[in-house]
Amino acid sequence: MKKAKSYTEVTRRFYRSELYYCPECQRHLRRTSTLSQRTVVTLKGVIRVTHAGYRCPNTECEAHARTYRSAAADALALPSFTFGLDVIVLLGHLRLGKHQTLDEAHSEIKERLALIGVSISRREVLYLFEAFCTLLRAASDAKQDEEWLTQVKKNRGIIVSIDGIQPDKGNETVYIVRDALTGRTLAAENVTSSEVEVMKQILAPVVDLSVPVRGTISDAQDSEVKALQELWPNVPHQVCQFHVLREASRPAFEEDCKIKKEMRKNMQPKVREMRKQIQKRMKQGAGSQAEAEQLAVLGDYALGVQTAVNLDGKLPFTYAGVEALDALDEVATSLEEVEKKGVQ
């Protein structure tokens, strides 16, 4: 049996439908199932994803059997893939945009993933590039997908979700359009502009499907919102909650970054100097076994302080400054306890 991969740092995220109320009867949607639990490796880190499905609790509602998914969860990675869509898009950019060989692209992606403690094989890179090419052909297959069309009929339409993925600033963006009810990719296009007309061109294959659109989902990008509103003016639109929370928390996050920067500036030189003194004393040889043990403990405390002031934050809710203060409070409390025991 193949041994499951383990990762040193994993962020856990729970995803629910971006729609909170049934589009048909306006009842509050309730969680009814766990659609998937999986690990996704992105360029920014490893995520343990729990994707929950929601349904209308009103048994008399025509949409009672319809399961609502999270567009944000589906945007992380393709079904059954461990590596995220941002990794696939970066690979596509390296191969088709920069004209790198497979080995060159493998080397660059391997270096990027090594920063988060993840490895990737050459075979996996080849597999991901095949997925990228398939992704760009996805729209042409939708009209012939009888199984999906049957599901669309059962759902009485689709919910259109559009999401742009840009592996690096300044590079082209791949916009991916999905049916948020089934998770199926309906269109994907690599573009250099995000104007409204470009967004409408990307969404054109979905319009050509001639299926009912029950709602639309996007992030807060103006061109995406305007394009959706112009194409489906009478359809409810929902902004992805994750993007809303990320932008709403940005001012506080930036202030927290400033505070953490000052903490690091003030404390890091002192902690480094202390660690050097402790290490120097330990190399010279402590006077007794008790002193050696004390120096080792002090070294651990100094390392703990240095680790705390070097914590990194992440939008929307991981504030490095707050976490650093909490960690330093724990160190201070521990030192107080040690001092009390020493007095006794």
Protein backbone atom coordinates (compact mmCIF):
# COMPACT_ATOMS: atom_id res chain seq x y z
CA MET A 1 0.00 0.00 0.00
CA LYS A 2 1.27 3.45 -0.95
CA LYS A 3 2.14 5.52 2.11
CA ALA A 4 0.17 8.76 2.41
CA LYS A 5 2.22 11.94 2.22
CA SER A 6 2.70 13.95 5.39
CA TYR A 7 3.26 17.71 5.57
CA THR A 8 4.91 19.69 8.34
CA GLU A 9 2.58 22.72 8.20
CA VAL A 10 -1.07 22.39 7.23
CA THR A 11 -3.79 25.06 7.36
CA ARG A 12 -7.30 23.75 7.97
CA ARG A 13 -10.20 25.43 6.18
CA PHE A 14 -13.92 24.80 6.16
CA TYR A 15 -15.88 25.75 3.04
CA ARG A 16 -19.63 26.13 2.74
CA SER A 17 -21.90 27.34 -0.05
CA GLU A 18 -21.56 31.04 -0.84
CA LEU A 19 -25.36 31.13 -0.99
CA TYR A 20 -26.97 31.27 2.44
CA TYR A 21 -30.60 31.29 1.31
CA CYS A 22 -32.48 29.13 -1.17
CA PRO A 23 -32.89 31.03 -4.47
CA GLU A 24 -36.37 29.52 -4.88
CA CYS A 25 -38.11 29.90 -1.50
CA GLN A 26 -35.59 32.05 0.45
CA ARG A 27 -35.31 29.57 3.34
CA HIS A 28 -31.96 29.46 5.14
CA LEU A 29 -29.84 26.63 3.69
CA ARG A 30 -28.67 23.88 6.05
CA ARG A 31 -25.64 21.65 5.96
CA THR A 32 -26.58 18.13 4.86
CA SER A 33 -23.33 16.45 3.84
CA THR A 34 -19.57 16.58 3.58
CA LEU A 35 -18.80 16.64 -0.13
CA SER A 36 -15.08 16.08 0.32
CA GLN A 37 -12.20 16.15 2.77
CA ARG A 38 -8.81 16.40 1.12
CA THR A 39 -5.40 18.00 1.21
CA VAL A 40 -4.56 20.63 -1.42
CA VAL A 41 -1.01 21.82 -2.05
CA THR A 42 -0.93 25.45 -3.26
CA LEU A 43 2.01 27.74 -3.94
CA LYS A 44 1.31 29.52 -0.64
CA GLY A 45 0.91 26.47 1.57
CA VAL A 46 -0.79 23.17 2.26
CA ILE A 47 -4.52 23.28 3.04
CA ARG A 48 -6.67 20.58 4.62
CA VAL A 49 -10.04 21.28 3.02
CA THR A 50 -13.44 20.29 4.38
CA HIS A 51 -16.08 21.01 1.74
CA ALA A 52 -19.66 20.90 3.02
CA GLY A 53 -22.85 20.61 0.95
CA TYR A 54 -26.00 22.57 1.82
CA ARG A 55 -29.66 22.08 0.92
CA CYS A 56 -32.98 23.82 1.38
CA PRO A 57 -34.79 22.39 4.44
CA ASN A 58 -38.22 23.12 2.93
CA THR A 59 -39.49 19.74 1.71
CA GLU A 60 -42.14 21.46 -0.40
CA CYS A 61 -39.56 23.55 -2.25
CA GLU A 62 -38.85 22.47 -5.82
CA ALA A 63 -35.13 22.82 -5.11
CA HIS A 64 -35.21 20.72 -1.93
CA ALA A 65 -32.99 18.00 -3.47
CA ARG A 66 -30.49 20.47 -4.92
CA THR A 67 -27.07 20.49 -3.21
CA TYR A 68 -25.22 23.80 -3.03
CA ARG A 69 -21.42 23.67 -3.16
CA SER A 70 -18.67 26.18 -2.39
CA ALA A 71 -17.26 27.85 -5.49
CA ALA A 72 -14.16 28.84 -3.48
CA ALA A 73 -13.47 25.21 -2.54
CA ASP A 74 -13.85 24.07 -6.15
CA ALA A 75 -11.50 26.87 -7.24
CA LEU A 76 -8.64 25.51 -5.13
CA ALA A 77 -7.97 22.39 -7.17
CA LEU A 78 -9.39 20.13 -9.85
CA PRO A 79 -11.32 17.04 -8.68
CA SER A 80 -9.01 14.26 -7.42
CA PHE A 81 -5.92 16.50 -7.69
CA THR A 82 -3.61 17.19 -4.75
CA PHE A 83 -1.78 20.12 -6.34
CA GLY A 84 -3.82 23.28 -6.57
CA LEU A 85 -4.95 25.16 -9.64
CA ASP A 86 -2.38 27.89 -8.98
CA VAL A 87 0.38 25.29 -9.42
CA ILE A 88 -1.23 24.07 -12.67
CA VAL A 89 -1.62 27.62 -13.99
CA LEU A 90 2.00 28.46 -13.13
CA LEU A 91 3.12 25.36 -15.00
CA GLY A 92 1.05 26.35 -18.02
CA HIS A 93 2.60 29.84 -17.95
CA LEU A 94 6.14 28.43 -17.76
CA ARG A 95 5.58 25.94 -20.60
CA LEU A 96 3.47 28.04 -22.98
CA GLY A 97 4.26 31.61 -21.91
CA LYS A 98 8.00 31.34 -21.21
CA HIS A 99 8.53 28.34 -23.53
CA GLN A 100 10.43 26.39 -20.90
CA THR A 101 11.21 22.71 -21.33
CA LEU A 102 9.53 20.21 -19.04
CA ASP A 103 12.73 19.85 -17.01
CA GLU A 104 13.14 23.63 -16.67
CA ALA A 105 9.53 24.02 -15.54
CA HIS A 106 9.92 21.09 -13.13
CA SER A 107 13.02 22.70 -11.62
CA GLU A 108 11.32 26.08 -11.09
CA ILE A 109 8.15 24.61 -9.57
CA LYS A 110 10.20 22.30 -7.37
CA GLU A 111 12.08 25.33 -6.02
CA ARG A 112 8.83 27.20 -5.36
CA LEU A 113 7.26 24.28 -3.51
CA ALA A 114 10.44 23.62 -1.51
CA LEU A 115 9.80 26.93 0.28
CA ILE A 116 6.73 25.35 1.92
CA GLY A 117 8.39 21.97 2.47
CA VAL A 118 6.75 20.12 -0.44
CA SER A 119 8.38 18.07 -3.21
CA ILE A 120 7.08 17.25 -6.69
CA SER A 121 8.25 14.65 -9.21
CA ARG A 122 8.89 15.16 -12.92
CA ARG A 123 6.11 12.70 -13.72
CA GLU A 124 3.67 14.72 -11.61
CA VAL A 125 4.63 17.90 -13.48
CA LEU A 126 3.93 16.18 -16.81
CA TYR A 127 0.56 15.04 -15.47
CA LEU A 128 -0.29 18.57 -14.33
CA PHE A 129 0.57 20.04 -17.72
CA GLU A 130 -1.79 17.56 -19.38
CA ALA A 131 -4.44 18.76 -16.92
CA PHE A 132 -3.74 22.39 -17.88
CA CYS A 133 -4.25 21.62 -21.58
CA THR A 134 -7.44 19.72 -20.78
CA LEU A 135 -8.66 22.62 -18.68
CA LEU A 136 -8.38 25.04 -21.61
CA ARG A 137 -10.44 22.63 -23.76
CA ALA A 138 -13.13 22.15 -21.11
CA ALA A 139 -15.77 24.45 -22.62
CA SER A 140 -15.92 22.59 -25.93
CA ASP A 141 -17.06 19.41 -24.19
CA ALA A 142 -19.91 20.83 -22.07
CA LYS A 143 -22.59 20.65 -24.77
CA GLN A 144 -21.81 16.97 -25.35
CA ASP A 145 -21.74 16.03 -21.67
CA GLU A 146 -25.09 14.23 -21.40
CA GLU A 147 -24.55 13.21 -17.79
CA TRP A 148 -23.91 16.80 -16.76
CA LEU A 149 -26.84 18.11 -18.82
CA THR A 150 -29.10 15.61 -17.04
CA GLN A 151 -27.88 16.97 -13.70
CA VAL A 152 -28.49 20.53 -14.92
CA LYS A 153 -32.04 19.62 -15.81
CA LYS A 154 -32.51 18.09 -12.37
CA ASN A 155 -31.14 21.27 -10.76
CA ARG A 156 -33.31 23.40 -13.04
CA GLY A 157 -30.26 25.33 -14.18
CA ILE A 158 -26.75 26.30 -13.12
CA ILE A 159 -25.03 28.80 -10.83
CA VAL A 160 -22.19 30.48 -12.73
CA SER A 161 -18.95 30.99 -10.81
CA ILE A 162 -15.93 32.83 -12.28
CA ASP A 163 -12.51 32.97 -10.66
CA GLY A 164 -9.20 34.38 -11.89
CA ILE A 165 -5.92 32.65 -11.00
CA GLN A 166 -2.61 34.48 -11.42
CA PRO A 167 0.45 32.56 -10.15
CA ASP A 168 2.68 35.65 -10.16
CA LYS A 169 1.92 39.37 -10.40
CA GLY A 170 2.43 40.71 -13.90
CA ASN A 171 1.76 37.40 -15.57
CA GLU A 172 -1.30 36.37 -17.56
CA THR A 173 -4.39 35.32 -15.64
CA VAL A 174 -6.36 32.15 -16.25
CA TYR A 175 -10.06 32.71 -15.66
CA ILE A 176 -12.04 29.58 -14.90
CA VAL A 177 -15.83 29.44 -15.11
CA ARG A 178 -17.74 26.69 -13.29
CA ASP A 179 -21.21 25.50 -12.48
CA ALA A 180 -21.21 25.98 -8.70
CA LEU A 181 -23.93 23.35 -8.25
CA THR A 182 -21.99 20.48 -9.84
CA GLY A 183 -18.44 21.81 -9.79
CA ARG A 184 -18.05 21.21 -13.53
CA THR A 185 -15.67 23.49 -15.45
CA LEU A 186 -17.52 25.28 -18.25
CA ALA A 187 -14.86 27.60 -19.65
CA ALA A 188 -11.22 28.50 -19.12
CA GLU A 189 -9.12 31.09 -20.87
CA ASN A 190 -5.64 32.57 -20.50
CA VAL A 191 -5.81 36.37 -20.87
CA THR A 192 -3.68 39.47 -20.29
CA SER A 193 -6.58 41.88 -19.71
CA SER A 194 -9.44 41.91 -17.22
CA GLU A 195 -11.74 44.43 -18.89
CA VAL A 196 -15.49 43.90 -18.88
CA GLU A 197 -15.62 42.94 -22.57
CA VAL A 198 -12.87 40.37 -22.02
CA MET A 199 -14.83 38.89 -19.13
CA LYS A 200 -17.92 38.68 -21.34
CA GLN A 201 -15.92 36.87 -24.01
CA ILE A 202 -14.74 34.36 -21.41
CA LEU A 203 -18.35 33.82 -20.30
CA ALA A 204 -19.63 33.57 -23.90
CA PRO A 205 -19.38 29.72 -24.03
CA VAL A 206 -21.66 29.56 -20.98
CA VAL A 207 -24.19 31.84 -22.67
CA ASP A 208 -24.06 29.58 -25.73
CA LEU A 209 -25.06 26.58 -23.61
CA SER A 210 -28.58 28.09 -23.40
CA VAL A 211 -29.25 26.63 -19.96
CA PRO A 212 -31.09 28.50 -17.17
CA VAL A 213 -28.80 30.47 -14.85
CA ARG A 214 -30.10 30.51 -11.26
CA GLY A 215 -27.36 32.75 -9.83
CA THR A 216 -23.80 34.02 -10.25
CA ILE A 217 -20.74 34.08 -7.95
CA SER A 218 -17.47 35.99 -8.27
CA ASP A 219 -14.91 37.85 -6.21
CA ALA A 220 -15.21 41.63 -5.82
CA GLN A 221 -13.38 42.50 -9.05
CA ASP A 222 -15.47 45.20 -10.79
CA SER A 223 -15.07 43.81 -14.31
CA GLU A 224 -16.28 40.35 -13.24
CA VAL A 225 -19.30 41.76 -11.41
CA LYS A 226 -20.26 44.08 -14.29
CA ALA A 227 -19.89 41.34 -16.91
CA LEU A 228 -22.12 38.98 -14.94
CA GLN A 229 -24.71 41.68 -14.36
CA GLU A 230 -24.79 42.66 -18.04
CA LEU A 231 -25.10 39.07 -19.24
CA TRP A 232 -27.64 37.99 -16.60
CA PRO A 233 -29.23 41.23 -15.29
CA ASN A 234 -32.15 39.57 -13.50
CA VAL A 235 -30.13 36.85 -11.78
CA PRO A 236 -29.01 37.12 -8.10
CA HIS A 237 -25.28 37.71 -7.65
CA GLN A 238 -23.17 36.71 -4.66
CA VAL A 239 -19.62 37.83 -3.88
CA CYS A 240 -17.43 35.05 -2.50
CA GLN A 241 -17.34 35.42 1.30
CA PHE A 242 -13.65 34.56 1.51
CA HIS A 243 -12.71 37.47 -0.76
CA VAL A 244 -15.03 39.81 1.14
CA LEU A 245 -13.52 38.83 4.49
CA ARG A 246 -10.01 39.12 3.10
CA GLU A 247 -10.56 42.66 1.87
CA ALA A 248 -12.53 43.71 4.96
CA SER A 249 -9.71 42.57 7.25
CA ARG A 250 -6.90 44.06 5.14
CA PRO A 251 -6.64 47.45 7.03
CA ALA A 252 -6.34 45.70 10.40
CA PHE A 253 -3.94 43.15 8.90
CA GLU A 254 -1.69 45.91 7.57
CA GLU A 255 -1.63 47.62 10.98
CA ASP A 256 -0.78 44.29 12.60
CA CYS A 257 2.09 43.88 10.12
CA LYS A 258 3.48 47.28 11.16
CA ILE A 259 3.33 46.31 14.84
CA LYS A 260 4.99 42.96 14.20
CA LYS A 261 7.71 44.69 12.15
CA GLU A 262 8.50 47.01 15.07
CA MET A 263 8.54 44.06 17.47
CA ARG A 264 10.99 42.22 15.26
CA LYS A 265 13.17 45.34 14.81
CA ASN A 266 13.38 45.95 18.57
CA MET A 267 13.67 42.40 19.86
CA GLN A 268 15.45 40.33 17.24
CA PRO A 269 18.97 41.87 17.64
CA LYS A 270 18.79 41.46 21.43
CA VAL A 271 17.59 37.86 21.21
CA ARG A 272 20.27 36.98 18.67
CA GLU A 273 22.96 38.46 20.91
CA MET A 274 21.64 36.54 23.90
CA ARG A 275 21.61 33.26 21.96
CA LYS A 276 25.23 33.89 20.86
CA GLN A 277 26.29 34.45 24.48
CA ILE A 278 24.52 31.28 25.63
CA GLN A 279 26.05 29.21 22.83
CA LYS A 280 29.51 30.69 23.51
CA ARG A 281 29.21 29.85 27.21
CA MET A 282 28.09 26.30 26.43
CA LYS A 283 31.04 25.78 24.05
CA GLN A 284 33.49 27.05 26.69
CA GLY A 285 32.09 24.50 29.10
CA ALA A 286 29.69 25.23 31.94
CA GLY A 287 30.99 25.16 35.50
CA SER A 288 28.64 22.37 36.56
CA GLN A 289 25.95 20.04 35.24
CA ALA A 290 23.26 22.27 36.78
CA GLU A 291 24.64 25.32 34.99
CA ALA A 292 24.74 23.41 31.68
CA GLU A 293 21.09 22.46 32.13
CA GLN A 294 20.18 26.07 32.94
CA LEU A 295 21.95 27.32 29.81
CA ALA A 296 20.10 24.76 27.68
CA VAL A 297 16.77 25.91 29.12
CA LEU A 298 17.64 29.57 28.53
CA GLY A 299 18.60 28.67 24.96
CA ASP A 300 15.19 27.11 24.43
CA TYR A 301 13.46 30.23 25.78
CA ALA A 302 15.54 32.50 23.54
CA LEU A 303 14.72 30.35 20.52
CA GLY A 304 11.04 30.53 21.45
CA VAL A 305 11.18 34.35 21.55
CA GLN A 306 13.00 34.51 18.22
CA THR A 307 10.43 32.18 16.63
CA ALA A 308 7.57 34.30 17.97
CA VAL A 309 8.85 37.56 16.45
CA ASN A 310 9.35 35.85 13.09
CA LEU A 311 5.82 34.49 12.73
CA ASP A 312 4.08 35.28 9.44
CA GLY A 313 0.46 36.37 9.05
CA LYS A 314 -2.09 35.48 6.44
CA LEU A 315 -5.32 37.14 5.37
CA PRO A 316 -8.05 37.18 6.48
CA PHE A 317 -7.66 36.01 10.09
CA THR A 318 -4.05 35.08 10.88
CA TYR A 319 -2.50 38.16 12.49
CA ALA A 320 1.20 37.59 13.14
CA GLY A 321 1.49 40.46 15.61
CA VAL A 322 -1.33 39.13 17.78
CA GLU A 323 0.02 35.58 17.63
CA ALA A 324 3.51 36.83 18.48
CA LEU A 325 2.20 38.68 21.55
CA ASP A 326 0.32 35.57 22.69
CA ALA A 327 3.46 33.47 22.27
CA LEU A 328 5.58 35.99 24.18
CA ASP A 329 2.98 36.07 26.98
CA GLU A 330 3.31 32.29 27.25
CA VAL A 331 7.09 32.60 27.47
CA ALA A 332 6.77 35.29 30.17
CA THR A 333 4.30 33.19 32.16
CA SER A 334 6.57 30.18 31.94
CA LEU A 335 9.56 32.20 33.14
CA GLU A 336 7.53 33.50 36.09
CA GLU A 337 6.65 29.93 37.06
CA VAL A 338 10.31 28.92 36.82
CA GLU A 339 11.30 31.89 39.00
CA LYS A 340 8.72 30.93 41.64
CA LYS A 341 9.95 27.37 41.74
CA GLY A 342 13.52 28.63 42.00
CA VAL A 343 12.63 30.81 45.03
CA GLN A 344 10.95 27.86 46.73
